[in-house]
């Protein structure tokens, strides 16, 4: 789930709660779920960036090793 989707879900849940469409307990549960999803999304994005950096670093090391 992207950060944009999470932001939209927050707005949707806020609206539903304010309109009385969901209970306080449902609202809290949904928001806690979004908090977990945000953490997972952030970690996945960080992992992807770290993998890209690792690829670049390994390529640079390989290139430097060959250039003597």
Protein backbone atom coordinates (compact mmCIF):
# COMPACT_ATOMS: atom_id res chain seq x y z
CA UNK A 1 0.00 0.00 0.00
CA UNK A 2 1.47 3.36 -0.98
CA UNK A 3 1.65 6.38 1.29
CA UNK A 4 -0.92 8.12 -0.94
CA UNK A 5 -3.39 5.28 -0.45
CA UNK A 6 -2.82 5.38 3.31
CA UNK A 7 -3.45 9.14 3.34
CA UNK A 8 -6.69 8.66 1.41
CA UNK A 9 -7.76 5.89 3.79
CA UNK A 10 -7.17 8.20 6.75
CA UNK A 11 -9.41 10.83 5.17
CA UNK A 12 -12.06 8.22 4.37
CA UNK A 13 -12.02 6.79 7.90
CA UNK A 14 -12.17 10.26 9.44
CA UNK A 15 -15.18 11.12 7.31
CA UNK A 16 -16.93 7.83 8.10
CA UNK A 17 -16.35 8.32 11.81
CA UNK A 18 -17.52 11.94 11.77
CA UNK A 19 -20.68 10.88 9.91
CA UNK A 20 -21.37 8.11 12.42
CA UNK A 21 -20.93 5.41 9.79
CA UNK A 22 -18.42 3.51 11.93
CA UNK A 23 -18.12 3.14 15.68
CA UNK A 24 -15.31 4.51 17.82
CA UNK A 25 -13.88 1.01 18.26
CA UNK A 26 -13.98 0.37 14.50
CA UNK A 27 -12.32 3.73 13.87
CA UNK A 28 -9.53 3.02 16.36
CA UNK A 29 -8.96 -0.44 14.91
CA UNK A 30 -8.82 0.89 11.35
CA UNK A 31 -6.41 3.66 12.31
CA UNK A 32 -4.16 1.19 14.16
CA UNK A 33 -4.15 -0.98 11.03
CA UNK A 34 -3.08 2.00 8.96
CA UNK A 35 -0.26 2.73 11.39
CA UNK A 36 1.05 -0.81 10.92
CA UNK A 37 0.63 -0.55 7.16
CA UNK A 38 2.55 2.74 7.15
CA UNK A 39 5.46 1.12 8.97
CA UNK A 40 5.47 -1.86 6.59
CA UNK A 41 5.31 0.44 3.55
CA UNK A 42 8.14 2.62 4.82
CA UNK A 43 10.33 -0.40 5.54
CA UNK A 44 9.62 -1.85 2.09
CA UNK A 45 10.55 1.44 0.43
CA UNK A 46 13.73 1.68 2.52
CA UNK A 47 14.65 -1.90 1.65
CA UNK A 48 14.22 -1.19 -2.05
CA UNK A 49 16.48 1.88 -1.81
CA UNK A 50 19.09 -0.09 0.14
CA UNK A 51 19.06 -2.84 -2.50
CA UNK A 52 19.61 -0.23 -5.23
CA UNK A 53 22.49 1.30 -3.30
CA UNK A 54 24.00 -2.13 -2.76
CA UNK A 55 23.86 -2.79 -6.51
CA UNK A 56 25.57 0.52 -7.26
CA UNK A 57 28.24 -0.04 -4.61
CA UNK A 58 29.01 -3.55 -5.84
CA UNK A 59 29.23 -2.30 -9.44
CA UNK A 60 31.61 0.47 -8.38
CA UNK A 61 33.80 -1.99 -6.47
CA UNK A 62 33.88 -4.35 -9.44
CA UNK A 63 34.77 -1.54 -11.84
CA UNK A 64 37.49 -0.25 -9.53
CA UNK A 65 38.92 -3.74 -9.11
CA UNK A 66 39.26 -4.15 -12.87
CA UNK A 67 40.80 -0.71 -13.42
CA UNK A 68 44.43 -0.92 -12.43
